[in-house]
Amino acid sequence: MPKKKMGRPTDEPKPYRLDVRVSKEDLEILDDYCKRKNVKRPQGIRDGIKSLKDK
């Protein structure tokens, strides 16, 4: 059996991957948010998903 690769230890693993298509406007909104919050796109998307929980 192949040996499983070891990554950096984490308290919040993220084993699920999403692949989405967005419009140019949506990407500009995401990039603007990421620039203001100084985060990368994946974190900006996670922040948006978490904001849906509050609604």
N, C-alpha and C. Protein backbone atom coordinates (compact mmCIF):
# COMPACT_ATOMS: atom_id res chain seq x y z
N MET A 1 0.84 -1.18 0.00
CA MET A 1 0.00 0.00 0.00
C MET A 1 0.89 1.25 0.00
N PRO A 2 0.58 2.27 -0.87
CA PRO A 2 1.41 3.46 -0.91
C PRO A 2 1.32 4.25 0.39
N LYS A 3 2.44 4.83 0.78
CA LYS A 3 2.48 5.63 2.00
C LYS A 3 1.79 6.97 1.76
N LYS A 4 0.93 7.38 2.70
CA LYS A 4 0.21 8.63 2.58
C LYS A 4 1.16 9.81 2.82
N LYS A 5 1.06 10.84 1.98
CA LYS A 5 1.91 12.01 2.14
C LYS A 5 1.53 12.77 3.40
N MET A 6 2.52 13.32 4.06
CA MET A 6 2.28 14.13 5.25
C MET A 6 2.35 15.60 4.86
N GLY A 7 1.33 16.35 5.23
CA GLY A 7 1.33 17.77 4.99
C GLY A 7 1.53 18.49 6.31
N ARG A 8 1.32 19.77 6.28
CA ARG A 8 1.45 20.56 7.49
C ARG A 8 0.27 20.23 8.41
N PRO A 9 0.52 19.97 9.70
CA PRO A 9 -0.59 19.67 10.62
C PRO A 9 -1.55 20.86 10.72
N THR A 10 -2.84 20.56 10.85
CA THR A 10 -3.84 21.62 10.94
C THR A 10 -4.99 21.19 11.83
N ASP A 11 -5.61 22.18 12.46
CA ASP A 11 -6.79 21.91 13.29
C ASP A 11 -8.05 21.91 12.44
N GLU A 12 -7.95 22.43 11.22
CA GLU A 12 -9.12 22.53 10.34
C GLU A 12 -8.75 22.03 8.94
N PRO A 13 -8.71 20.71 8.74
CA PRO A 13 -8.36 20.20 7.41
C PRO A 13 -9.41 20.57 6.37
N LYS A 14 -8.98 20.70 5.14
CA LYS A 14 -9.87 21.08 4.04
C LYS A 14 -9.74 20.05 2.92
N PRO A 15 -10.37 18.89 3.09
CA PRO A 15 -10.20 17.82 2.11
C PRO A 15 -11.09 17.97 0.86
N TYR A 16 -12.04 18.90 0.86
CA TYR A 16 -12.97 19.02 -0.26
C TYR A 16 -12.52 20.13 -1.20
N ARG A 17 -12.60 19.85 -2.49
CA ARG A 17 -12.16 20.79 -3.51
C ARG A 17 -13.36 21.21 -4.36
N LEU A 18 -13.46 22.51 -4.67
CA LEU A 18 -14.52 23.03 -5.52
C LEU A 18 -13.91 23.64 -6.77
N ASP A 19 -14.61 23.51 -7.87
CA ASP A 19 -14.18 24.13 -9.12
C ASP A 19 -15.40 24.87 -9.66
N VAL A 20 -15.32 26.20 -9.71
CA VAL A 20 -16.47 26.99 -10.14
C VAL A 20 -16.07 27.96 -11.24
N ARG A 21 -17.05 28.33 -12.04
CA ARG A 21 -16.86 29.36 -13.05
C ARG A 21 -17.58 30.61 -12.56
N VAL A 22 -16.95 31.76 -12.74
CA VAL A 22 -17.55 33.02 -12.32
C VAL A 22 -17.45 34.03 -13.45
N SER A 23 -18.30 35.04 -13.39
CA SER A 23 -18.25 36.11 -14.38
C SER A 23 -17.08 37.05 -14.05
N LYS A 24 -16.76 37.90 -14.99
CA LYS A 24 -15.70 38.89 -14.77
C LYS A 24 -16.06 39.79 -13.59
N GLU A 25 -17.33 40.18 -13.52
CA GLU A 25 -17.79 41.04 -12.43
C GLU A 25 -17.62 40.34 -11.08
N ASP A 26 -18.01 39.05 -11.00
CA ASP A 26 -17.87 38.30 -9.75
C ASP A 26 -16.40 38.21 -9.34
N LEU A 27 -15.52 37.97 -10.30
CA LEU A 27 -14.10 37.86 -10.00
C LEU A 27 -13.55 39.20 -9.51
N GLU A 28 -14.00 40.29 -10.10
CA GLU A 28 -13.56 41.62 -9.66
C GLU A 28 -14.02 41.89 -8.23
N ILE A 29 -15.24 41.47 -7.90
CA ILE A 29 -15.76 41.64 -6.53
C ILE A 29 -14.90 40.84 -5.56
N LEU A 30 -14.61 39.58 -5.92
CA LEU A 30 -13.79 38.73 -5.06
C LEU A 30 -12.39 39.32 -4.89
N ASP A 31 -11.79 39.73 -5.99
CA ASP A 31 -10.43 40.28 -5.92
C ASP A 31 -10.39 41.58 -5.11
N ASP A 32 -11.42 42.40 -5.23
CA ASP A 32 -11.49 43.64 -4.45
C ASP A 32 -11.58 43.31 -2.96
N TYR A 33 -12.44 42.35 -2.62
CA TYR A 33 -12.57 41.92 -1.22
C TYR A 33 -11.23 41.41 -0.70
N CYS A 34 -10.59 40.55 -1.48
CA CYS A 34 -9.31 39.96 -1.05
C CYS A 34 -8.24 41.02 -0.85
N LYS A 35 -8.23 42.01 -1.72
CA LYS A 35 -7.25 43.09 -1.59
C LYS A 35 -7.51 43.90 -0.32
N ARG A 36 -8.79 44.22 -0.06
CA ARG A 36 -9.12 45.00 1.14
C ARG A 36 -8.81 44.25 2.42
N LYS A 37 -9.06 42.93 2.43
CA LYS A 37 -8.86 42.12 3.63
C LYS A 37 -7.47 41.49 3.70
N ASN A 38 -6.70 41.68 2.63
CA ASN A 38 -5.35 41.11 2.54
C ASN A 38 -5.37 39.58 2.72
N VAL A 39 -6.26 38.92 1.96
CA VAL A 39 -6.34 37.46 1.96
C VAL A 39 -6.26 36.97 0.52
N LYS A 40 -6.01 35.69 0.36
CA LYS A 40 -5.96 35.10 -0.97
C LYS A 40 -7.37 34.66 -1.39
N ARG A 41 -7.54 34.38 -2.67
CA ARG A 41 -8.85 34.02 -3.21
C ARG A 41 -9.54 32.88 -2.46
N PRO A 42 -8.84 31.77 -2.18
CA PRO A 42 -9.53 30.68 -1.49
C PRO A 42 -10.12 31.12 -0.14
N GLN A 43 -9.37 31.94 0.60
CA GLN A 43 -9.88 32.42 1.88
C GLN A 43 -11.05 33.37 1.67
N GLY A 44 -10.99 34.18 0.64
CA GLY A 44 -12.10 35.09 0.32
C GLY A 44 -13.37 34.31 0.02
N ILE A 45 -13.23 33.21 -0.71
CA ILE A 45 -14.39 32.36 -1.03
C ILE A 45 -14.93 31.72 0.24
N ARG A 46 -14.02 31.20 1.11
CA ARG A 46 -14.47 30.61 2.37
C ARG A 46 -15.19 31.65 3.24
N ASP A 47 -14.68 32.89 3.26
CA ASP A 47 -15.34 33.96 4.01
C ASP A 47 -16.75 34.20 3.48
N GLY A 48 -16.90 34.20 2.16
CA GLY A 48 -18.22 34.39 1.55
C GLY A 48 -19.17 33.27 1.91
N ILE A 49 -18.68 32.04 1.88
CA ILE A 49 -19.52 30.89 2.25
C ILE A 49 -19.96 31.00 3.70
N LYS A 50 -19.02 31.35 4.58
CA LYS A 50 -19.36 31.48 6.01
C LYS A 50 -20.37 32.60 6.25
N SER A 51 -20.32 33.66 5.42
CA SER A 51 -21.27 34.76 5.59
C SER A 51 -22.70 34.29 5.27
N LEU A 52 -22.84 33.25 4.46
CA LEU A 52 -24.18 32.71 4.14
C LEU A 52 -24.81 32.06 5.37
N LYS A 53 -23.99 31.54 6.26
CA LYS A 53 -24.48 30.88 7.47
C LYS A 53 -25.20 31.88 8.37
N ASP A 54 -24.72 33.12 8.37
CA ASP A 54 -25.28 34.17 9.24
C ASP A 54 -26.64 34.67 8.76
N LYS A 55 -26.99 34.39 7.50
CA LYS A 55 -28.24 34.91 6.94
C LYS A 55 -29.41 34.06 7.26
